[in-house]
């Protein structure tokens, strides 16, 4: 079997990017962080003043959505970084505020349709590992290997809290947990491409297993599917 596309979906802070990056590295595939694309859109909108704590100027965002060019480049350490209109915004898009903004703009149909179009173009040649909320259901419904990750909200909040602390973001665990629960509610109830497990996806609850164990499980599943 030649190269395939791999879809990794699941709730926020489930470690989707970790397992997706690991698979891409082991297989020599291209990793694409779809969540970073929504974060970049949110950052663009925040900079323009189109997002506040209570509302989004979706008319302005829709009018200028074609001006948003998102790309990925690998740095000297082999890490993929996100670029917004040619600017490296990898650090800026990883804040709790931008993460919450990404969840909000992702509920807008015109944003999802534009980014899905870009994502599908990236996967035409196969050999792509992409993680997100709707990869196996909308972006790559025909992906040969689909993973759905889940974990308890408390475990996910702790992971996210530790990650943000390590990056110097002053947040509390309580605020992080509240944000995780808010994003879960928004992701699963939005009208446009809600988060759900594809019928042919293989589910993994990684609440209490290590990253190494997760990657080994994923590689075992890949080998079973492709051989």
N, C-alpha and C. Protein backbone atom coordinates (compact mmCIF):
# COMPACT_ATOMS: atom_id res chain seq x y z
N UNK A 1 0.84 -1.20 0.00
CA UNK A 1 0.00 0.00 0.00
C UNK A 1 0.87 1.24 0.00
N UNK A 2 0.49 2.25 -0.81
CA UNK A 2 1.24 3.51 -0.84
C UNK A 2 0.90 4.36 0.37
N UNK A 3 1.30 5.61 0.32
CA UNK A 3 1.03 6.51 1.44
C UNK A 3 -0.46 6.76 1.59
N UNK A 4 -0.88 6.97 2.83
CA UNK A 4 -2.28 7.23 3.13
C UNK A 4 -2.39 8.56 3.89
N UNK A 5 -3.60 9.01 4.10
CA UNK A 5 -3.84 10.16 4.96
C UNK A 5 -4.33 9.68 6.32
N UNK A 6 -3.86 10.34 7.37
CA UNK A 6 -4.22 9.97 8.73
C UNK A 6 -4.91 11.15 9.39
N UNK A 7 -6.11 10.92 9.93
CA UNK A 7 -6.89 11.95 10.61
C UNK A 7 -6.86 11.70 12.11
N UNK A 8 -6.49 12.73 12.87
CA UNK A 8 -6.45 12.63 14.33
C UNK A 8 -7.40 13.68 14.89
N UNK A 9 -8.52 13.24 15.45
CA UNK A 9 -9.51 14.15 16.02
C UNK A 9 -9.62 13.93 17.52
N UNK A 10 -10.29 14.85 18.18
CA UNK A 10 -10.52 14.68 19.61
C UNK A 10 -10.73 16.00 20.31
N UNK A 11 -10.95 15.93 21.61
CA UNK A 11 -11.21 17.10 22.42
C UNK A 11 -9.94 17.94 22.61
N UNK A 12 -10.13 19.18 23.05
CA UNK A 12 -8.99 20.07 23.26
C UNK A 12 -8.06 19.50 24.33
N UNK A 13 -6.78 19.74 24.15
CA UNK A 13 -5.75 19.33 25.12
C UNK A 13 -5.71 17.83 25.35
N UNK A 14 -6.02 17.07 24.31
CA UNK A 14 -5.93 15.60 24.39
C UNK A 14 -4.57 15.10 23.90
N UNK A 15 -3.73 15.99 23.44
CA UNK A 15 -2.45 15.56 22.90
C UNK A 15 -2.53 15.14 21.45
N UNK A 16 -3.49 15.69 20.72
CA UNK A 16 -3.64 15.33 19.31
C UNK A 16 -2.38 15.66 18.51
N UNK A 17 -1.83 16.86 18.73
CA UNK A 17 -0.65 17.26 17.96
C UNK A 17 0.55 16.40 18.31
N UNK A 18 0.64 15.97 19.56
CA UNK A 18 1.78 15.15 19.99
C UNK A 18 1.79 13.82 19.25
N UNK A 19 0.64 13.15 19.23
CA UNK A 19 0.58 11.85 18.56
C UNK A 19 0.67 12.01 17.04
N UNK A 20 0.09 13.09 16.52
CA UNK A 20 0.14 13.33 15.07
C UNK A 20 1.57 13.63 14.62
N UNK A 21 2.27 14.45 15.38
CA UNK A 21 3.66 14.75 15.05
C UNK A 21 4.53 13.50 15.13
N UNK A 22 4.26 12.68 16.17
CA UNK A 22 5.03 11.46 16.33
C UNK A 22 4.83 10.50 15.17
N UNK A 23 3.59 10.35 14.73
CA UNK A 23 3.30 9.49 13.59
C UNK A 23 3.97 10.02 12.32
N UNK A 24 3.87 11.32 12.09
CA UNK A 24 4.47 11.91 10.90
C UNK A 24 5.98 11.69 10.90
N UNK A 25 6.59 11.86 12.06
CA UNK A 25 8.04 11.67 12.16
C UNK A 25 8.42 10.22 11.89
N UNK A 26 7.70 9.28 12.47
CA UNK A 26 8.02 7.86 12.31
C UNK A 26 7.79 7.38 10.88
N UNK A 27 6.78 7.95 10.21
CA UNK A 27 6.41 7.48 8.88
C UNK A 27 7.01 8.31 7.74
N UNK A 28 7.61 9.44 8.09
CA UNK A 28 8.12 10.31 7.04
C UNK A 28 7.00 11.05 6.32
N UNK A 29 5.89 11.28 7.02
CA UNK A 29 4.74 11.97 6.47
C UNK A 29 4.81 13.46 6.80
N UNK A 30 3.91 14.24 6.21
CA UNK A 30 3.81 15.67 6.49
C UNK A 30 2.77 15.90 7.59
N UNK A 31 3.16 16.63 8.62
CA UNK A 31 2.24 16.95 9.70
C UNK A 31 1.61 18.32 9.46
N UNK A 32 0.29 18.41 9.62
CA UNK A 32 -0.41 19.69 9.48
C UNK A 32 -1.29 19.90 10.71
N UNK A 33 -1.06 21.01 11.40
CA UNK A 33 -1.80 21.36 12.60
C UNK A 33 -2.98 22.25 12.20
N UNK A 34 -4.16 21.64 12.00
CA UNK A 34 -5.32 22.43 11.56
C UNK A 34 -5.75 23.41 12.63
N UNK A 35 -5.56 23.05 13.90
CA UNK A 35 -5.93 23.95 14.98
C UNK A 35 -5.15 25.25 14.93
N UNK A 36 -3.88 25.17 14.52
CA UNK A 36 -3.06 26.37 14.41
C UNK A 36 -3.62 27.31 13.36
N UNK A 37 -4.27 26.75 12.35
CA UNK A 37 -4.85 27.58 11.30
C UNK A 37 -6.01 28.40 11.86
N UNK A 38 -6.84 27.79 12.70
CA UNK A 38 -7.94 28.54 13.33
C UNK A 38 -7.40 29.55 14.34
N UNK A 39 -6.34 29.19 15.01
CA UNK A 39 -5.71 30.14 15.94
C UNK A 39 -5.17 31.35 15.19
N UNK A 40 -4.61 31.11 14.01
CA UNK A 40 -4.07 32.21 13.21
C UNK A 40 -5.19 33.15 12.75
N UNK A 41 -6.33 32.57 12.38
CA UNK A 41 -7.49 33.39 12.00
C UNK A 41 -7.94 34.24 13.20
N UNK A 42 -7.99 33.61 14.38
CA UNK A 42 -8.39 34.34 15.59
C UNK A 42 -7.41 35.47 15.89
N UNK A 43 -6.12 35.21 15.76
CA UNK A 43 -5.11 36.25 16.00
C UNK A 43 -5.30 37.42 15.03
N UNK A 44 -5.52 37.09 13.76
CA UNK A 44 -5.76 38.12 12.74
C UNK A 44 -6.95 38.99 13.15
N UNK A 45 -8.04 38.35 13.59
CA UNK A 45 -9.25 39.07 13.98
C UNK A 45 -9.03 39.91 15.24
N UNK A 46 -8.30 39.36 16.21
CA UNK A 46 -8.00 40.12 17.43
C UNK A 46 -7.20 41.37 17.09
N UNK A 47 -6.22 41.23 16.23
CA UNK A 47 -5.39 42.37 15.86
C UNK A 47 -6.20 43.47 15.17
N UNK A 48 -7.22 43.07 14.45
CA UNK A 48 -8.08 44.03 13.75
C UNK A 48 -9.17 44.61 14.66
N UNK A 49 -9.29 44.05 15.86
CA UNK A 49 -10.31 44.52 16.78
C UNK A 49 -11.69 43.95 16.50
N UNK A 50 -11.73 42.83 15.79
CA UNK A 50 -13.02 42.23 15.40
C UNK A 50 -13.52 41.20 16.41
N UNK A 51 -12.72 40.91 17.42
CA UNK A 51 -13.16 39.99 18.48
C UNK A 51 -13.05 40.69 19.82
N UNK A 52 -14.13 40.65 20.59
CA UNK A 52 -14.11 41.12 21.97
C UNK A 52 -14.48 39.95 22.87
N UNK A 53 -14.56 40.20 24.14
CA UNK A 53 -14.91 39.12 25.07
C UNK A 53 -16.33 38.60 24.85
N UNK A 54 -17.17 39.41 24.21
CA UNK A 54 -18.58 39.04 24.10
C UNK A 54 -19.07 38.82 22.68
N UNK A 55 -18.36 39.34 21.67
CA UNK A 55 -18.88 39.22 20.31
C UNK A 55 -17.78 39.21 19.26
N UNK A 56 -18.17 38.81 18.05
CA UNK A 56 -17.28 38.79 16.89
C UNK A 56 -17.92 39.58 15.77
N UNK A 57 -17.15 40.44 15.14
CA UNK A 57 -17.63 41.15 13.95
C UNK A 57 -17.43 40.22 12.77
N UNK A 58 -18.36 39.27 12.63
CA UNK A 58 -18.19 38.25 11.60
C UNK A 58 -18.32 38.82 10.19
N UNK A 59 -19.06 39.93 10.03
CA UNK A 59 -19.18 40.54 8.71
C UNK A 59 -17.83 41.06 8.23
N UNK A 60 -17.09 41.71 9.12
CA UNK A 60 -15.76 42.23 8.76
C UNK A 60 -14.81 41.07 8.49
N UNK A 61 -14.85 40.05 9.33
CA UNK A 61 -13.96 38.90 9.14
C UNK A 61 -14.26 38.21 7.82
N UNK A 62 -15.53 38.03 7.50
CA UNK A 62 -15.89 37.38 6.24
C UNK A 62 -15.42 38.19 5.04
N UNK A 63 -15.50 39.51 5.14
CA UNK A 63 -15.10 40.37 4.05
C UNK A 63 -13.60 40.27 3.76
N UNK A 64 -12.82 39.97 4.82
CA UNK A 64 -11.36 39.96 4.67
C UNK A 64 -10.75 38.57 4.80
N UNK A 65 -11.56 37.51 4.82
CA UNK A 65 -11.04 36.17 5.03
C UNK A 65 -10.04 35.78 3.95
N UNK A 66 -10.23 36.31 2.73
CA UNK A 66 -9.32 35.97 1.63
C UNK A 66 -7.93 36.57 1.81
N UNK A 67 -7.79 37.51 2.75
CA UNK A 67 -6.50 38.15 3.00
C UNK A 67 -5.62 37.34 3.95
N UNK A 68 -6.18 36.27 4.49
CA UNK A 68 -5.46 35.48 5.48
C UNK A 68 -4.73 34.33 4.80
N UNK A 69 -3.42 34.40 4.81
CA UNK A 69 -2.59 33.35 4.21
C UNK A 69 -1.84 32.64 5.33
N UNK A 70 -2.13 31.36 5.49
CA UNK A 70 -1.51 30.58 6.57
C UNK A 70 -0.60 29.52 5.97
N UNK A 71 0.60 29.44 6.49
CA UNK A 71 1.56 28.45 5.99
C UNK A 71 2.36 27.89 7.16
N UNK A 72 3.08 26.82 6.90
CA UNK A 72 3.90 26.18 7.92
C UNK A 72 5.33 26.05 7.42
N UNK A 73 6.28 26.30 8.32
CA UNK A 73 7.69 26.15 7.99
C UNK A 73 8.38 25.41 9.13
N UNK A 74 9.40 24.65 8.80
CA UNK A 74 10.17 23.92 9.80
C UNK A 74 11.39 24.75 10.20
N UNK A 75 11.58 24.95 11.51
CA UNK A 75 12.71 25.76 11.97
C UNK A 75 13.99 24.93 12.03
N UNK A 76 15.07 25.56 12.48
CA UNK A 76 16.38 24.91 12.50
C UNK A 76 16.44 23.73 13.46
N UNK A 77 15.49 23.66 14.40
CA UNK A 77 15.45 22.55 15.36
C UNK A 77 14.51 21.44 14.90
N UNK A 78 13.97 21.58 13.69
CA UNK A 78 13.08 20.55 13.16
C UNK A 78 11.65 20.67 13.63
N UNK A 79 11.30 21.81 14.26
CA UNK A 79 9.95 22.01 14.76
C UNK A 79 9.14 22.84 13.76
N UNK A 80 7.90 22.44 13.56
CA UNK A 80 7.03 23.17 12.63
C UNK A 80 6.49 24.43 13.29
N UNK A 81 6.51 25.54 12.57
CA UNK A 81 6.01 26.80 13.09
C UNK A 81 4.98 27.39 12.13
N UNK A 82 4.04 28.14 12.69
CA UNK A 82 2.92 28.69 11.93
C UNK A 82 3.21 30.12 11.51
N UNK A 83 2.91 30.41 10.24
CA UNK A 83 3.13 31.75 9.70
C UNK A 83 1.80 32.34 9.23
N UNK A 84 1.56 33.58 9.62
CA UNK A 84 0.36 34.32 9.22
C UNK A 84 0.81 35.46 8.32
N UNK A 85 0.44 35.38 7.07
CA UNK A 85 0.85 36.38 6.07
C UNK A 85 2.36 36.65 6.13
N UNK A 86 3.10 35.55 6.22
CA UNK A 86 4.56 35.64 6.18
C UNK A 86 5.23 35.90 7.51
N UNK A 87 4.44 36.11 8.58
CA UNK A 87 5.00 36.40 9.91
C UNK A 87 4.92 35.17 10.80
N UNK A 88 6.00 34.86 11.47
CA UNK A 88 6.02 33.74 12.40
C UNK A 88 5.20 34.11 13.64
N UNK A 89 4.07 33.43 13.82
CA UNK A 89 3.18 33.75 14.95
C UNK A 89 3.02 32.55 15.89
N UNK A 90 3.94 31.60 15.80
CA UNK A 90 3.82 30.36 16.56
C UNK A 90 3.62 30.62 18.05
N UNK A 91 4.39 31.53 18.63
CA UNK A 91 4.27 31.79 20.06
C UNK A 91 2.98 32.53 20.39
N UNK A 92 2.63 33.51 19.58
CA UNK A 92 1.44 34.32 19.86
C UNK A 92 0.15 33.50 19.83
N UNK A 93 0.06 32.52 18.94
CA UNK A 93 -1.20 31.79 18.80
C UNK A 93 -1.41 30.74 19.89
N UNK A 94 -0.44 30.52 20.75
CA UNK A 94 -0.55 29.45 21.75
C UNK A 94 -1.09 29.93 23.09
N UNK A 95 -1.53 31.18 23.19
CA UNK A 95 -2.06 31.68 24.46
C UNK A 95 -3.47 31.15 24.69
N UNK A 96 -3.92 31.21 25.94
CA UNK A 96 -5.27 30.76 26.29
C UNK A 96 -6.32 31.62 25.59
N UNK A 97 -6.05 32.91 25.50
CA UNK A 97 -6.99 33.84 24.86
C UNK A 97 -7.19 33.51 23.38
N UNK A 98 -6.08 33.28 22.68
CA UNK A 98 -6.18 32.97 21.26
C UNK A 98 -6.79 31.58 21.05
N UNK A 99 -6.50 30.65 21.95
CA UNK A 99 -7.11 29.33 21.87
C UNK A 99 -8.62 29.41 21.99
N UNK A 100 -9.09 30.25 22.91
CA UNK A 100 -10.52 30.44 23.08
C UNK A 100 -11.11 31.15 21.86
N UNK A 101 -10.37 32.11 21.32
CA UNK A 101 -10.81 32.81 20.11
C UNK A 101 -10.91 31.87 18.93
N UNK A 102 -9.97 30.94 18.85
CA UNK A 102 -9.98 29.96 17.76
C UNK A 102 -11.24 29.09 17.83
N UNK A 103 -11.62 28.70 19.05
CA UNK A 103 -12.82 27.90 19.23
C UNK A 103 -14.05 28.68 18.78
N UNK A 104 -14.03 29.99 19.00
CA UNK A 104 -15.17 30.84 18.63
C UNK A 104 -15.24 31.05 17.12
N UNK A 105 -14.12 31.38 16.48
CA UNK A 105 -14.17 31.62 15.03
C UNK A 105 -14.41 30.31 14.26
N UNK A 106 -14.03 29.19 14.87
CA UNK A 106 -14.23 27.91 14.19
C UNK A 106 -15.70 27.55 14.06
N UNK A 107 -16.56 28.24 14.81
CA UNK A 107 -18.00 28.00 14.72
C UNK A 107 -18.63 28.75 13.55
N UNK A 108 -17.84 29.63 12.89
CA UNK A 108 -18.34 30.41 11.76
C UNK A 108 -18.20 29.60 10.48
N UNK A 109 -19.30 29.39 9.80
CA UNK A 109 -19.30 28.54 8.61
C UNK A 109 -18.32 28.99 7.54
N UNK A 110 -18.24 30.28 7.27
CA UNK A 110 -17.35 30.74 6.21
C UNK A 110 -15.89 30.54 6.54
N UNK A 111 -15.54 30.59 7.83
CA UNK A 111 -14.15 30.33 8.25
C UNK A 111 -13.84 28.85 8.04
N UNK A 112 -14.72 27.98 8.49
CA UNK A 112 -14.49 26.55 8.36
C UNK A 112 -14.40 26.14 6.89
N UNK A 113 -15.29 26.68 6.06
CA UNK A 113 -15.28 26.30 4.65
C UNK A 113 -13.98 26.71 3.97
N UNK A 114 -13.47 27.90 4.29
CA UNK A 114 -12.22 28.34 3.68
C UNK A 114 -11.04 27.50 4.15
N UNK A 115 -10.97 27.24 5.44
CA UNK A 115 -9.83 26.46 5.93
C UNK A 115 -9.93 24.99 5.52
N UNK A 116 -11.12 24.45 5.46
CA UNK A 116 -11.28 23.07 4.97
C UNK A 116 -10.80 22.98 3.52
N UNK A 117 -11.13 23.99 2.73
CA UNK A 117 -10.67 24.01 1.34
C UNK A 117 -9.14 23.97 1.28
N UNK A 118 -8.49 24.78 2.11
CA UNK A 118 -7.02 24.79 2.13
C UNK A 118 -6.46 23.46 2.63
N UNK A 119 -7.09 22.89 3.65
CA UNK A 119 -6.62 21.64 4.23
C UNK A 119 -6.76 20.48 3.25
N UNK A 120 -7.87 20.43 2.54
CA UNK A 120 -8.07 19.35 1.57
C UNK A 120 -7.05 19.44 0.43
N UNK A 121 -6.70 20.65 0.06
CA UNK A 121 -5.68 20.83 -0.98
C UNK A 121 -4.33 20.29 -0.50
N UNK A 122 -4.05 20.46 0.79
CA UNK A 122 -2.79 19.97 1.35
C UNK A 122 -2.71 18.45 1.34
N UNK A 123 -3.86 17.78 1.38
CA UNK A 123 -3.86 16.32 1.48
C UNK A 123 -4.05 15.58 0.17
N UNK A 124 -4.10 16.30 -0.93
CA UNK A 124 -4.38 15.65 -2.22
C UNK A 124 -3.33 14.62 -2.62
N UNK A 125 -2.07 14.86 -2.23
CA UNK A 125 -0.99 13.96 -2.63
C UNK A 125 -0.77 12.83 -1.63
N UNK A 126 -1.63 12.76 -0.60
CA UNK A 126 -1.52 11.73 0.46
C UNK A 126 -0.25 11.94 1.31
N UNK A 127 -0.04 11.05 2.25
CA UNK A 127 1.12 11.16 3.11
C UNK A 127 1.03 12.29 4.11
N UNK A 128 -0.21 12.60 4.54
CA UNK A 128 -0.44 13.71 5.47
C UNK A 128 -1.03 13.18 6.78
N UNK A 129 -0.54 13.71 7.90
CA UNK A 129 -1.15 13.47 9.20
C UNK A 129 -1.68 14.81 9.67
N UNK A 130 -2.98 14.91 9.83
CA UNK A 130 -3.60 16.18 10.23
C UNK A 130 -4.44 15.97 11.48
N UNK A 131 -4.33 16.89 12.42
CA UNK A 131 -5.13 16.79 13.63
C UNK A 131 -6.05 17.98 13.76
N UNK A 132 -7.20 17.74 14.42
CA UNK A 132 -8.18 18.80 14.60
C UNK A 132 -9.45 18.28 15.24
N UNK A 133 -10.57 18.89 14.86
CA UNK A 133 -11.87 18.51 15.41
C UNK A 133 -12.75 17.79 14.38
N UNK A 134 -12.51 18.09 13.09
CA UNK A 134 -13.39 17.53 12.05
C UNK A 134 -12.61 16.93 10.89
N UNK A 135 -11.42 16.44 11.17
CA UNK A 135 -10.58 15.93 10.08
C UNK A 135 -11.16 14.64 9.51
N UNK A 136 -11.53 13.72 10.37
CA UNK A 136 -12.06 12.44 9.89
C UNK A 136 -13.49 12.50 9.41
N UNK A 137 -14.23 13.54 9.81
CA UNK A 137 -15.64 13.65 9.42
C UNK A 137 -15.87 14.58 8.24
N UNK A 138 -15.06 15.64 8.11
CA UNK A 138 -15.28 16.66 7.09
C UNK A 138 -14.10 16.84 6.15
N UNK A 139 -12.91 17.04 6.71
CA UNK A 139 -11.74 17.36 5.87
C UNK A 139 -11.30 16.14 5.06
N UNK A 140 -11.04 15.03 5.75
CA UNK A 140 -10.62 13.79 5.09
C UNK A 140 -11.59 12.66 5.45
N UNK A 141 -12.85 12.73 4.98
CA UNK A 141 -13.79 11.66 5.31
C UNK A 141 -13.38 10.30 4.77
N UNK A 142 -12.49 10.30 3.76
CA UNK A 142 -12.03 9.05 3.17
C UNK A 142 -10.64 8.64 3.67
N UNK A 143 -10.16 9.28 4.73
CA UNK A 143 -8.85 8.92 5.29
C UNK A 143 -8.83 7.44 5.66
N UNK A 144 -7.74 6.79 5.34
CA UNK A 144 -7.63 5.36 5.58
C UNK A 144 -7.44 5.01 7.06
N UNK A 145 -6.94 5.95 7.85
CA UNK A 145 -6.69 5.71 9.27
C UNK A 145 -7.18 6.92 10.04
N UNK A 146 -8.15 6.68 10.94
CA UNK A 146 -8.73 7.75 11.74
C UNK A 146 -8.61 7.42 13.22
N UNK A 147 -8.10 8.39 13.97
CA UNK A 147 -7.95 8.25 15.42
C UNK A 147 -8.84 9.29 16.10
N UNK A 148 -9.51 8.89 17.17
CA UNK A 148 -10.28 9.83 17.98
C UNK A 148 -9.76 9.76 19.41
N UNK A 149 -9.17 10.85 19.87
CA UNK A 149 -8.59 10.90 21.22
C UNK A 149 -9.54 11.53 22.22
N UNK A 150 -9.55 10.97 23.41
CA UNK A 150 -10.35 11.54 24.49
C UNK A 150 -9.60 11.37 25.81
N UNK A 151 -9.98 12.17 26.78
CA UNK A 151 -9.42 12.10 28.14
C UNK A 151 -10.34 12.91 29.03
N UNK A 152 -10.26 12.71 30.33
CA UNK A 152 -11.15 13.44 31.23
C UNK A 152 -10.82 14.94 31.19
N UNK A 153 -11.82 15.80 31.42
CA UNK A 153 -11.56 17.25 31.41
C UNK A 153 -10.49 17.67 32.41
N UNK A 154 -10.47 17.01 33.57
CA UNK A 154 -9.50 17.36 34.61
C UNK A 154 -8.07 17.05 34.16
N UNK A 155 -7.89 15.91 33.52
CA UNK A 155 -6.57 15.53 33.02
C UNK A 155 -6.13 16.50 31.92
N UNK A 156 -7.06 16.82 31.04
CA UNK A 156 -6.72 17.72 29.94
C UNK A 156 -6.40 19.13 30.44
N UNK A 157 -7.15 19.58 31.44
CA UNK A 157 -6.89 20.91 32.01
C UNK A 157 -5.52 20.95 32.68
N UNK A 158 -5.15 19.88 33.37
CA UNK A 158 -3.84 19.84 34.02
C UNK A 158 -2.72 19.88 32.99
N UNK A 159 -2.88 19.15 31.91
CA UNK A 159 -1.88 19.16 30.84
C UNK A 159 -1.72 20.55 30.25
N UNK A 160 -2.87 21.17 29.96
CA UNK A 160 -2.87 22.50 29.36
C UNK A 160 -2.28 23.52 30.32
N UNK A 161 -2.62 23.42 31.59
CA UNK A 161 -2.11 24.33 32.61
C UNK A 161 -0.58 24.25 32.68
N UNK A 162 -0.06 23.03 32.72
CA UNK A 162 1.39 22.85 32.80
C UNK A 162 2.09 23.36 31.55
N UNK A 163 1.45 23.17 30.40
CA UNK A 163 2.02 23.66 29.15
C UNK A 163 2.10 25.18 29.14
N UNK A 164 1.02 25.83 29.56
CA UNK A 164 0.98 27.29 29.57
C UNK A 164 1.95 27.86 30.60
N UNK A 165 2.05 27.21 31.75
CA UNK A 165 3.00 27.64 32.78
C UNK A 165 4.43 27.57 32.26
N UNK A 166 4.74 26.49 31.55
CA UNK A 166 6.09 26.31 31.01
C UNK A 166 6.43 27.38 29.98
N UNK A 167 5.41 27.90 29.32
CA UNK A 167 5.63 28.94 28.31
C UNK A 167 5.55 30.35 28.89
N UNK A 168 5.39 30.43 30.22
CA UNK A 168 5.38 31.72 30.87
C UNK A 168 4.04 32.44 30.88
N UNK A 169 2.96 31.71 30.57
CA UNK A 169 1.62 32.32 30.60
C UNK A 169 1.03 32.21 32.00
N UNK A 170 0.73 33.34 32.64
CA UNK A 170 0.23 33.33 34.03
C UNK A 170 -1.25 32.97 34.10
N UNK A 171 -1.55 31.69 34.22
CA UNK A 171 -2.94 31.23 34.30
C UNK A 171 -3.09 30.35 35.54
N UNK A 172 -4.32 30.16 35.98
CA UNK A 172 -4.60 29.27 37.09
C UNK A 172 -5.20 27.97 36.55
N UNK A 173 -5.11 26.92 37.35
CA UNK A 173 -5.69 25.65 36.94
C UNK A 173 -7.21 25.79 36.81
N UNK A 174 -7.83 26.53 37.72
CA UNK A 174 -9.28 26.69 37.71
C UNK A 174 -9.75 27.37 36.42
N UNK A 175 -9.03 28.41 36.00
CA UNK A 175 -9.38 29.10 34.76
C UNK A 175 -9.17 28.18 33.55
N UNK A 176 -8.12 27.39 33.61
CA UNK A 176 -7.81 26.49 32.50
C UNK A 176 -8.89 25.41 32.38
N UNK A 177 -9.33 24.86 33.51
CA UNK A 177 -10.39 23.85 33.49
C UNK A 177 -11.69 24.45 32.96
N UNK A 178 -12.01 25.66 33.39
CA UNK A 178 -13.22 26.32 32.91
C UNK A 178 -13.15 26.53 31.41
N UNK A 179 -11.96 26.87 30.91
CA UNK A 179 -11.78 27.08 29.48
C UNK A 179 -11.94 25.77 28.71
N UNK A 180 -11.40 24.69 29.25
CA UNK A 180 -11.53 23.37 28.61
C UNK A 180 -13.00 22.98 28.50
N UNK A 181 -13.75 23.16 29.58
CA UNK A 181 -15.18 22.80 29.58
C UNK A 181 -15.97 23.68 28.62
N UNK A 182 -15.62 24.96 28.57
CA UNK A 182 -16.30 25.89 27.66
C UNK A 182 -16.05 25.49 26.20
N UNK A 183 -14.80 25.14 25.90
CA UNK A 183 -14.46 24.75 24.54
C UNK A 183 -15.13 23.43 24.16
N UNK A 184 -15.21 22.50 25.11
CA UNK A 184 -15.91 21.23 24.85
C UNK A 184 -17.35 21.49 24.45
N UNK A 185 -18.01 22.37 25.20
CA UNK A 185 -19.41 22.68 24.94
C UNK A 185 -19.56 23.31 23.55
N UNK A 186 -18.69 24.26 23.24
CA UNK A 186 -18.78 24.95 21.96
C UNK A 186 -18.45 24.00 20.80
N UNK A 187 -17.42 23.19 20.97
CA UNK A 187 -16.98 22.29 19.90
C UNK A 187 -18.02 21.23 19.56
N UNK A 188 -18.72 20.74 20.58
CA UNK A 188 -19.65 19.64 20.35
C UNK A 188 -21.06 20.09 19.98
N UNK A 189 -21.37 21.37 20.19
CA UNK A 189 -22.74 21.83 19.93
C UNK A 189 -22.85 22.80 18.76
N UNK A 190 -21.72 23.23 18.20
CA UNK A 190 -21.82 24.18 17.09
C UNK A 190 -22.53 23.53 15.90
N UNK A 191 -23.17 24.36 15.11
CA UNK A 191 -23.92 23.88 13.95
C UNK A 191 -22.98 23.42 12.84
N UNK A 192 -21.90 24.19 12.62
CA UNK A 192 -20.98 23.90 11.52
C UNK A 192 -19.90 22.91 11.97
N UNK A 193 -19.92 21.70 11.40
CA UNK A 193 -18.89 20.69 11.66
C UNK A 193 -18.61 20.48 13.15
N UNK A 194 -19.59 20.07 13.93
CA UNK A 194 -19.34 19.83 15.37
C UNK A 194 -18.36 18.68 15.58
N UNK A 195 -17.69 18.73 16.72
CA UNK A 195 -16.77 17.65 17.08
C UNK A 195 -17.56 16.37 17.33
N UNK A 196 -17.22 15.34 16.60
CA UNK A 196 -17.82 14.03 16.83
C UNK A 196 -16.88 12.96 16.28
N UNK A 197 -17.04 11.78 16.82
CA UNK A 197 -16.20 10.67 16.38
C UNK A 197 -16.73 10.11 15.07
N UNK A 198 -15.85 9.97 14.08
CA UNK A 198 -16.25 9.35 12.81
C UNK A 198 -16.61 7.89 13.09
N UNK A 199 -17.55 7.37 12.35
CA UNK A 199 -18.01 5.99 12.59
C UNK A 199 -16.90 4.97 12.42
N UNK A 200 -15.92 5.28 11.58
CA UNK A 200 -14.82 4.34 11.33
C UNK A 200 -13.53 4.74 12.04
N UNK A 201 -13.62 5.65 13.01
CA UNK A 201 -12.44 6.05 13.77
C UNK A 201 -12.18 5.07 14.91
N UNK A 202 -10.91 4.95 15.29
CA UNK A 202 -10.53 4.11 16.42
C UNK A 202 -10.29 5.02 17.62
N UNK A 203 -11.02 4.79 18.69
CA UNK A 203 -10.95 5.69 19.86
C UNK A 203 -9.87 5.24 20.84
N UNK A 204 -9.21 6.25 21.41
CA UNK A 204 -8.20 6.00 22.44
C UNK A 204 -8.38 7.00 23.58
N UNK A 205 -8.65 6.50 24.78
CA UNK A 205 -8.69 7.33 25.98
C UNK A 205 -7.27 7.34 26.56
N UNK A 206 -6.60 8.49 26.47
CA UNK A 206 -5.20 8.55 26.89
C UNK A 206 -5.02 9.24 28.24
N UNK A 207 -6.06 9.19 29.07
CA UNK A 207 -6.00 9.84 30.38
C UNK A 207 -4.82 9.34 31.22
N UNK A 208 -4.53 8.05 31.10
CA UNK A 208 -3.55 7.47 32.02
C UNK A 208 -2.48 6.65 31.31
N UNK A 209 -2.16 7.00 30.07
CA UNK A 209 -1.06 6.31 29.39
C UNK A 209 -0.04 7.33 28.90
N UNK A 210 1.19 6.91 28.77
CA UNK A 210 2.27 7.81 28.41
C UNK A 210 2.25 8.13 26.92
N UNK A 211 3.01 9.15 26.56
CA UNK A 211 3.14 9.53 25.15
C UNK A 211 3.76 8.39 24.35
N UNK A 212 4.75 7.74 24.94
CA UNK A 212 5.41 6.62 24.27
C UNK A 212 4.42 5.49 24.01
N UNK A 213 3.58 5.19 25.00
CA UNK A 213 2.57 4.14 24.84
C UNK A 213 1.54 4.51 23.78
N UNK A 214 1.18 5.78 23.73
CA UNK A 214 0.22 6.24 22.72
C UNK A 214 0.78 6.07 21.30
N UNK A 215 2.01 6.48 21.13
CA UNK A 215 2.63 6.39 19.81
C UNK A 215 2.80 4.94 19.38
N UNK A 216 3.15 4.08 20.32
CA UNK A 216 3.29 2.66 19.99
C UNK A 216 1.94 2.08 19.58
N UNK A 217 0.90 2.46 20.29
CA UNK A 217 -0.46 2.01 19.95
C UNK A 217 -0.82 2.48 18.55
N UNK A 218 -0.53 3.74 18.24
CA UNK A 218 -0.87 4.30 16.93
C UNK A 218 -0.09 3.61 15.82
N UNK A 219 1.18 3.31 16.06
CA UNK A 219 1.99 2.63 15.06
C UNK A 219 1.48 1.20 14.84
N UNK A 220 1.07 0.54 15.92
CA UNK A 220 0.52 -0.81 15.79
C UNK A 220 -0.76 -0.78 14.95
N UNK A 221 -1.62 0.21 15.19
CA UNK A 221 -2.84 0.33 14.42
C UNK A 221 -2.55 0.64 12.95
N UNK A 222 -1.57 1.51 12.71
CA UNK A 222 -1.18 1.85 11.35
C UNK A 222 -0.71 0.60 10.60
N UNK A 223 0.15 -0.16 11.24
CA UNK A 223 0.68 -1.38 10.59
C UNK A 223 -0.43 -2.39 10.33
N UNK A 224 -1.38 -2.49 11.24
CA UNK A 224 -2.48 -3.42 11.02
C UNK A 224 -3.34 -2.99 9.83
N UNK A 225 -3.56 -1.69 9.70
CA UNK A 225 -4.40 -1.17 8.62
C UNK A 225 -3.71 -1.27 7.27
N UNK A 226 -2.44 -0.96 7.23
CA UNK A 226 -1.73 -0.90 5.95
C UNK A 226 -1.20 -2.25 5.48
N UNK A 227 -1.14 -3.24 6.38
CA UNK A 227 -0.60 -4.54 5.98
C UNK A 227 -1.68 -5.61 5.97
